[in-house]
Amino acid sequence: MTRPKIGLALGSGVGRGWAHIGVLRGLEKAGIEADVVAGTSIGALVAGVHLAGHLDALEAWARSLNRMRIMRYLDLSLQSGGILGGRRLGRILTENLGDLSIEHLPKPFIVVATELATGHEIWLRQGHLVEALRASYALPGIFPPVELDGRPLVDGALVNPVPVSVCRAMGARLVIAVNLNADMLGSERAHSNGNGKPGHTAASENGSNMLENLFRRDGTPSMFNVMASALNILQDRLGRSRLAGDPPDVTIAPKVGHIGLLDFDQAEELIEIGEAAVADVVPSLEEALKILQP
């Protein structure tokens, strides 16, 4: 029996993006396989690594993250156009993905980024995969722009947080969107490392106060918190508008609002939430497949 061409749009979400790993696991268990994929920001990162065949390694790495390990991956660089240089994270991607090009992936894949000079939405569909992923998650003010083909590119969430339109343009008949910003009213929990001192970590004791202050969890807004929260508001409002104009056929919306935007060390819970969110929409997916069957 033939089925419609399926597109999968993985949206932005900063640290909450590990939920995409659970979504991919859930879709695999449900027997749903996308024919074309589009990703924005952390959604592009997870999708690109998945299509390159390294999702297991990414999941293991994400589950291993804790506060100290996260700090070690951050390279302070105040003269690069962002607070962090992003070189260490780029090296990790290169070590795993090498010089792989987007066009050599097993399925059509488009990475969404934003051209800094014009505000144009840029679709990266060929060229160096790692550089495209770095451009798509280059959060302004945090990571420096990534220059590709003479254009400085930054986070794609500024223009298309959930790239449903990209999947439509690639010919998808049934589009599944993963929206990590649908739970804006979720209450971020207070954090503590178990010693009764929220935000107190060995990193600050070792003299990494400047980096630690970027990610404070003591209730006081940090620079990174403010930037990430502002982006979250922007992509929520923009996402609602774009999804209203070009709605997906099925939306997967993991309930991740209670998890902080910068909680990259919460992969285990986020992956479980993502997988559970797929189970909730399996009946809708099956119904959509029947309706849109050629």
Protein backbone atom coordinates (compact mmCIF):
# COMPACT_ATOMS: atom_id res chain seq x y z
CA MET A 1 0.00 0.00 0.00
CA THR A 2 1.37 3.37 -0.98
CA ARG A 3 1.49 6.19 1.53
CA PRO A 4 1.87 9.96 1.31
CA LYS A 5 5.30 11.57 1.30
CA ILE A 6 6.05 12.42 4.92
CA GLY A 7 7.92 15.52 6.04
CA LEU A 8 9.32 16.01 9.54
CA ALA A 9 9.94 19.53 10.87
CA LEU A 10 12.04 19.69 14.03
CA GLY A 11 11.78 23.07 15.74
CA SER A 12 14.00 25.20 17.94
CA GLY A 13 14.09 25.00 21.72
CA VAL A 14 17.65 25.52 23.07
CA GLY A 15 18.36 22.96 25.83
CA ARG A 16 14.88 21.48 25.59
CA GLY A 17 15.89 20.22 22.16
CA TRP A 18 17.00 16.85 23.54
CA ALA A 19 13.28 16.01 23.47
CA HIS A 20 13.73 15.64 19.70
CA ILE A 21 15.79 12.51 20.35
CA GLY A 22 12.82 10.96 22.14
CA VAL A 23 10.51 12.02 19.32
CA LEU A 24 12.70 10.27 16.77
CA ARG A 25 12.77 7.15 18.93
CA GLY A 26 9.00 7.25 19.30
CA LEU A 27 8.38 7.66 15.58
CA GLU A 28 10.67 4.73 14.89
CA LYS A 29 8.73 2.54 17.32
CA ALA A 30 5.47 3.63 15.69
CA GLY A 31 6.80 2.68 12.27
CA ILE A 32 6.67 6.26 10.98
CA GLU A 33 9.57 7.17 8.72
CA ALA A 34 10.02 10.63 7.26
CA ASP A 35 10.92 11.05 3.60
CA VAL A 36 12.16 14.64 3.92
CA VAL A 37 13.41 16.48 7.00
CA ALA A 38 13.82 20.13 7.95
CA GLY A 39 15.34 21.49 11.12
CA THR A 40 15.84 24.79 12.90
CA SER A 41 18.47 25.43 15.59
CA ILE A 42 18.67 22.48 18.03
CA GLY A 43 16.14 20.73 15.80
CA ALA A 44 18.57 20.97 12.90
CA LEU A 45 21.38 19.63 15.09
CA VAL A 46 19.44 16.55 16.21
CA ALA A 47 18.02 15.91 12.73
CA GLY A 48 21.40 16.26 11.02
CA VAL A 49 23.15 13.93 13.45
CA HIS A 50 20.28 11.44 13.12
CA LEU A 51 20.42 11.42 9.32
CA ALA A 52 24.18 10.99 9.50
CA GLY A 53 23.64 7.80 11.52
CA HIS A 54 25.03 9.06 14.84
CA LEU A 55 21.87 9.49 16.94
CA ASP A 56 22.98 6.81 19.43
CA ALA A 57 26.24 8.67 20.05
CA LEU A 58 24.44 11.99 20.44
CA GLU A 59 21.99 10.47 22.90
CA ALA A 60 24.79 8.93 24.97
CA TRP A 61 26.67 12.24 25.01
CA ALA A 62 23.56 14.23 25.96
CA ARG A 63 22.73 11.83 28.79
CA SER A 64 26.29 12.17 30.10
CA LEU A 65 26.13 15.94 30.45
CA ASN A 66 26.24 17.56 33.86
CA ARG A 67 27.00 21.11 34.97
CA MET A 68 30.76 20.63 35.09
CA ARG A 69 30.93 18.95 31.68
CA ILE A 70 28.81 21.66 30.11
CA MET A 71 31.17 24.32 31.45
CA ARG A 72 34.15 22.52 29.92
CA TYR A 73 32.58 22.69 26.47
CA LEU A 74 32.16 26.47 26.63
CA ASP A 75 34.92 28.72 25.33
CA LEU A 76 34.63 32.33 26.45
CA SER A 77 35.35 34.70 23.56
CA LEU A 78 34.27 38.32 23.85
CA GLN A 79 35.76 39.40 20.50
CA SER A 80 34.04 36.94 18.16
CA GLY A 81 30.56 38.42 17.89
CA GLY A 82 29.30 36.29 20.76
CA ILE A 83 30.07 35.53 24.38
CA LEU A 84 31.12 32.00 23.43
CA GLY A 85 33.36 31.09 20.54
CA GLY A 86 31.66 27.77 19.81
CA ARG A 87 34.92 26.14 18.70
CA ARG A 88 34.82 23.29 21.22
CA LEU A 89 31.29 22.31 20.29
CA GLY A 90 32.22 22.58 16.63
CA ARG A 91 35.15 20.21 17.16
CA ILE A 92 32.87 17.62 18.77
CA LEU A 93 30.57 17.72 15.74
CA THR A 94 33.50 17.50 13.33
CA GLU A 95 34.99 14.54 15.21
CA ASN A 96 31.73 12.64 14.70
CA LEU A 97 30.48 13.93 11.34
CA GLY A 98 33.75 14.73 9.59
CA ASP A 99 33.43 16.52 6.26
CA LEU A 100 30.01 15.07 5.47
CA SER A 101 27.93 17.19 3.10
CA ILE A 102 24.19 17.76 3.42
CA GLU A 103 23.54 16.47 -0.08
CA HIS A 104 25.21 13.16 0.77
CA LEU A 105 22.78 12.35 3.58
CA PRO A 106 20.41 9.44 2.91
CA LYS A 107 17.34 11.71 2.80
CA PRO A 108 16.65 15.27 1.65
CA PHE A 109 17.47 17.62 4.51
CA ILE A 110 17.24 21.40 4.82
CA VAL A 111 18.79 23.44 7.63
CA VAL A 112 17.14 26.78 8.41
CA ALA A 113 19.30 29.79 9.31
CA THR A 114 18.91 33.57 9.32
CA GLU A 115 21.04 35.97 7.29
CA LEU A 116 22.18 38.57 9.81
CA ALA A 117 22.61 41.43 7.33
CA THR A 118 19.15 41.18 5.76
CA GLY A 119 16.98 39.09 8.08
CA HIS A 120 16.29 36.71 5.20
CA GLU A 121 15.37 33.09 5.86
CA ILE A 122 18.14 30.92 4.43
CA TRP A 123 17.66 27.28 3.48
CA LEU A 124 20.89 25.31 3.54
CA ARG A 125 20.44 22.18 1.43
CA GLN A 126 24.00 21.45 0.34
CA GLY A 127 27.52 22.00 1.57
CA HIS A 128 29.36 21.20 4.80
CA LEU A 129 26.90 19.72 7.30
CA VAL A 130 28.71 20.80 10.48
CA GLU A 131 28.99 24.42 9.37
CA ALA A 132 25.30 24.49 8.44
CA LEU A 133 24.32 23.11 11.85
CA ARG A 134 26.55 25.64 13.61
CA ALA A 135 24.89 28.45 11.67
CA SER A 136 21.40 27.25 12.53
CA TYR A 137 22.02 27.21 16.29
CA ALA A 138 24.16 30.39 16.43
CA LEU A 139 22.09 32.17 19.08
CA PRO A 140 22.77 35.92 18.61
CA GLY A 141 24.90 37.36 21.37
CA ILE A 142 25.93 33.92 22.59
CA PHE A 143 27.57 32.30 19.57
CA PRO A 144 29.22 34.27 16.76
CA PRO A 145 27.63 34.31 13.31
CA VAL A 146 28.84 31.59 10.94
CA GLU A 147 29.90 32.87 7.54
CA LEU A 148 28.84 30.69 4.62
CA ASP A 149 29.19 31.80 1.01
CA GLY A 150 30.08 35.29 2.19
CA ARG A 151 26.93 35.65 4.31
CA PRO A 152 26.94 35.88 8.13
CA LEU A 153 24.28 33.46 9.40
CA VAL A 154 22.67 33.12 12.83
CA ASP A 155 19.97 31.08 14.56
CA GLY A 156 17.13 30.04 12.25
CA ALA A 157 14.63 30.43 15.11
CA LEU A 158 14.58 34.17 14.37
CA VAL A 159 12.68 33.55 11.14
CA ASN A 160 11.17 30.04 11.16
CA PRO A 161 11.06 28.29 14.56
CA VAL A 162 9.15 25.22 13.29
CA PRO A 163 9.96 24.76 9.57
CA VAL A 164 6.69 23.30 8.30
CA SER A 165 6.87 25.50 5.20
CA VAL A 166 10.22 23.97 4.30
CA CYS A 167 8.80 20.45 4.34
CA ARG A 168 5.90 21.59 2.15
CA ALA A 169 8.38 23.08 -0.31
CA MET A 170 10.20 19.73 -0.42
CA GLY A 171 6.99 18.09 -1.57
CA ALA A 172 5.75 16.58 1.67
CA ARG A 173 2.09 15.63 1.57
CA LEU A 174 1.89 14.89 5.30
CA VAL A 175 3.91 17.15 7.58
CA ILE A 176 4.68 16.27 11.18
CA ALA A 177 5.83 19.26 13.23
CA VAL A 178 7.66 19.04 16.55
CA ASN A 179 6.99 22.22 18.50
CA LEU A 180 8.97 22.62 21.73
CA ASN A 181 7.53 26.06 22.43
CA ALA A 182 3.88 25.10 22.78
CA ASP A 183 4.17 24.85 26.56
CA MET A 184 5.14 28.46 27.30
CA LEU A 185 3.03 28.55 30.47
CA GLY A 186 4.92 25.64 32.00
CA SER A 187 6.65 26.75 35.18
CA GLU A 188 10.41 26.33 35.12
CA ARG A 189 11.44 24.54 38.26
CA ALA A 190 13.93 25.84 40.77
CA HIS A 191 17.27 24.09 40.65
CA SER A 192 19.63 22.94 43.34
CA ASN A 193 22.59 20.60 43.28
CA GLY A 194 21.46 18.96 46.50
CA ASN A 195 23.46 21.05 48.93
CA GLY A 196 20.77 23.67 49.46
CA LYS A 197 22.63 26.28 47.41
CA PRO A 198 20.95 26.80 44.06
CA GLY A 199 23.41 27.68 41.35
CA HIS A 200 26.40 26.71 43.53
CA THR A 201 28.75 24.41 41.66
CA ALA A 202 32.36 23.38 41.71
CA ALA A 203 32.86 25.45 38.57
CA SER A 204 32.42 28.66 40.52
CA GLU A 205 34.77 27.42 43.23
CA ASN A 206 37.42 26.76 40.61
CA GLY A 207 37.43 30.33 39.41
CA SER A 208 35.09 29.98 36.40
CA ASN A 209 32.84 32.69 37.84
CA MET A 210 32.27 34.53 34.58
CA LEU A 211 31.07 31.45 32.72
CA GLU A 212 29.07 30.26 35.71
CA ASN A 213 27.29 33.60 35.93
CA LEU A 214 26.07 33.13 32.35
CA PHE A 215 24.02 30.15 33.54
CA ARG A 216 22.98 31.15 37.06
CA ARG A 217 20.19 29.07 38.61
CA ASP A 218 19.72 31.01 41.84
CA GLY A 219 16.67 32.89 40.62
CA THR A 220 18.70 35.91 39.46
CA PRO A 221 18.47 36.43 35.68
CA SER A 222 21.78 35.80 33.94
CA MET A 223 22.85 37.26 30.62
CA PHE A 224 22.32 33.94 28.85
CA ASN A 225 18.96 33.42 30.60
CA VAL A 226 17.72 36.81 29.44
CA MET A 227 18.90 36.28 25.85
CA ALA A 228 17.49 32.75 25.67
CA SER A 229 14.18 33.79 27.24
CA ALA A 230 13.83 36.70 24.85
CA LEU A 231 14.43 34.34 21.92
CA ASN A 232 11.89 31.92 23.40
CA ILE A 233 9.23 34.65 23.48
CA LEU A 234 10.07 35.69 19.92
CA GLN A 235 9.97 32.16 18.52
CA ASP A 236 6.75 31.37 20.41
CA ARG A 237 4.94 34.37 18.95
CA LEU A 238 6.47 33.95 15.50
CA GLY A 239 5.87 30.21 15.57
CA ARG A 240 2.19 30.64 16.37
CA SER A 241 1.79 33.04 13.47
CA ARG A 242 3.61 30.86 10.96
CA LEU A 243 1.90 27.65 12.07
CA ALA A 244 -1.49 29.36 11.81
CA GLY A 245 -0.72 30.35 8.23
CA ASP A 246 0.77 26.99 7.26
CA PRO A 247 -0.43 24.41 9.78
CA PRO A 248 1.13 20.95 9.93
CA ASP A 249 -1.03 17.88 9.55
CA VAL A 250 0.10 16.53 12.92
CA THR A 251 1.77 18.42 15.74
CA ILE A 252 3.91 16.76 18.38
CA ALA A 253 4.18 19.12 21.35
CA PRO A 254 6.22 17.67 24.23
CA LYS A 255 5.35 19.21 27.60
CA VAL A 256 8.75 20.68 28.40
CA GLY A 257 7.81 24.09 29.79
CA HIS A 258 8.83 23.11 33.31
CA ILE A 259 12.40 22.49 32.15
CA GLY A 260 14.71 25.48 31.80
CA LEU A 261 15.88 26.61 28.39
CA LEU A 262 19.49 26.09 29.47
CA ASP A 263 19.00 22.70 31.10
CA PHE A 264 21.18 20.76 28.69
CA ASP A 265 21.87 18.37 31.57
CA GLN A 266 18.24 17.16 31.67
CA ALA A 267 18.47 14.91 28.60
CA GLU A 268 17.10 11.80 30.31
CA GLU A 269 13.81 13.43 31.24
CA LEU A 270 13.53 15.34 27.97
CA ILE A 271 14.03 12.21 25.87
CA GLU A 272 11.33 10.39 27.85
CA ILE A 273 8.94 13.32 27.40
CA GLY A 274 9.60 13.42 23.66
CA GLU A 275 8.93 9.73 23.23
CA ALA A 276 5.74 9.92 25.30
CA ALA A 277 4.53 12.86 23.18
CA VAL A 278 4.72 10.67 20.08
CA ALA A 279 2.64 7.95 21.73
CA ASP A 280 -0.06 10.55 22.39
CA VAL A 281 -0.43 11.41 18.70
CA VAL A 282 -0.09 7.97 17.11
CA PRO A 283 -3.88 7.72 16.51
CA SER A 284 -3.81 11.12 14.78
CA LEU A 285 -0.84 10.04 12.67
CA GLU A 286 -2.59 6.86 11.59
CA GLU A 287 -5.76 8.77 10.73
CA ALA A 288 -3.82 11.36 8.73
CA LEU A 289 -2.04 8.61 6.78
CA LYS A 290 -5.40 7.09 5.84
CA ILE A 291 -6.89 10.42 4.77
CA LEU A 292 -3.87 11.50 2.73
CA GLN A 293 -3.19 8.13 1.17
CA PRO A 294 -2.69 8.53 -2.60
